[in-house]
Protein backbone atom coordinates (compact mmCIF):
# COMPACT_ATOMS: atom_id res chain seq x y z
CA MET A 1 114.12 81.06 92.79
CA ASN A 2 115.79 79.51 94.92
CA LYS A 3 113.60 78.26 98.09
CA GLN A 4 115.29 78.45 101.40
CA VAL A 5 113.67 78.64 104.34
CA ILE A 6 114.88 80.79 106.76
CA VAL A 7 113.33 82.01 109.73
CA TYR A 8 113.93 85.43 111.53
CA THR A 9 113.24 85.27 115.28
CA THR A 10 113.61 85.70 118.37
CA ASN A 11 113.26 82.93 121.76
CA ASP A 12 111.07 85.00 124.03
CA CYS A 13 108.56 86.53 120.05
CA ILE A 14 105.01 83.96 120.31
CA GLU A 15 104.98 84.49 117.48
CA CYS A 16 107.21 83.87 115.65
CA THR A 17 107.02 79.76 117.78
CA MET A 18 103.66 80.23 116.10
CA VAL A 19 105.69 80.06 112.43
CA LYS A 20 108.17 77.57 112.86
CA GLN A 21 105.33 75.80 114.36
CA VAL A 22 102.88 75.96 111.02
CA LEU A 23 105.75 75.20 108.71
CA THR A 24 106.89 71.40 110.76
CA MET A 25 104.07 71.10 110.93
CA GLU A 26 103.75 70.89 106.42
CA GLY A 27 106.87 69.04 106.23
CA ILE A 28 108.87 72.39 105.64
CA PRO A 29 112.74 72.59 106.34
CA PHE A 30 114.06 76.00 107.10
CA GLU A 31 116.80 77.11 109.35
CA VAL A 32 116.41 79.34 111.47
CA ARG A 33 118.29 82.93 113.13
CA ASP A 34 117.73 84.55 115.97
CA VAL A 35 117.71 88.88 116.04
CA SER A 36 118.12 88.84 119.71
CA THR A 37 122.33 86.87 119.60
CA SER A 38 123.36 88.50 115.95
CA ALA A 39 123.53 91.80 114.72
CA ALA A 40 124.34 90.42 111.01
CA ASN A 41 120.59 88.61 111.15
CA GLN A 42 118.98 91.51 112.85
CA ARG A 43 121.21 93.33 109.83
CA GLU A 44 118.77 90.84 107.35
CA VAL A 45 115.71 91.73 108.29
CA GLU A 46 116.12 95.25 108.10
CA LYS A 47 117.71 94.89 104.78
CA TYR A 48 114.04 93.32 103.31
CA GLY A 49 112.65 96.21 105.98
CA PHE A 50 111.24 94.89 108.66
CA LEU A 51 112.80 96.52 112.22
CA GLY A 52 110.48 93.61 113.98
CA VAL A 53 110.20 89.19 113.19
CA PRO A 54 109.19 87.27 112.79
CA VAL A 55 110.06 87.57 109.15
CA THR A 56 109.81 84.45 106.88
CA VAL A 57 112.22 84.83 103.72
CA VAL A 58 112.26 82.54 100.75
CA GLY A 59 114.49 84.14 97.96
CA GLN A 60 113.85 87.48 97.71
CA ARG A 61 110.79 87.62 99.02
CA ALA A 62 110.29 88.40 102.58
CA VAL A 63 107.31 87.92 104.82
CA LYS A 64 106.70 89.60 107.97
CA GLY A 65 104.66 88.19 110.72
CA PHE A 66 102.00 85.27 110.57
CA THR A 67 99.53 85.93 107.83
CA ASN A 68 98.14 85.38 104.89
CA GLU A 69 100.93 86.12 102.76
CA LEU A 70 102.55 83.50 104.96
CA LYS A 71 100.33 81.61 104.36
CA GLU A 72 100.59 81.76 99.61
CA LEU A 73 105.03 81.67 101.33
CA ILE A 74 103.61 78.61 102.45
CA GLU A 75 102.10 77.11 99.16
CA PHE A 76 104.79 78.46 97.10
CA VAL A 77 107.71 76.04 98.84
CA LYS A 78 105.28 73.54 99.09
CA SER A 79 104.66 73.56 95.22
CA ARG A 80 108.22 73.04 94.11
CA ASP A 81 108.58 68.90 93.15
């Protein structure tokens, strides 16, 4: 499974900022895709079944929000060699 991390976000989203801060603190590199500036990014979020952000994606797994599921996703990414 591809472990590239993508965070779909907007600039004025507090939860998005929290997700990005945690990923940064954990030393996990990620790509930011702003849905407010790109219709293509918004369509990608919708493809995963979500309308809002933050959405964090690793491979085909997508997690919405700042949740325990996000913590599991972070542990999965950190487990790579």
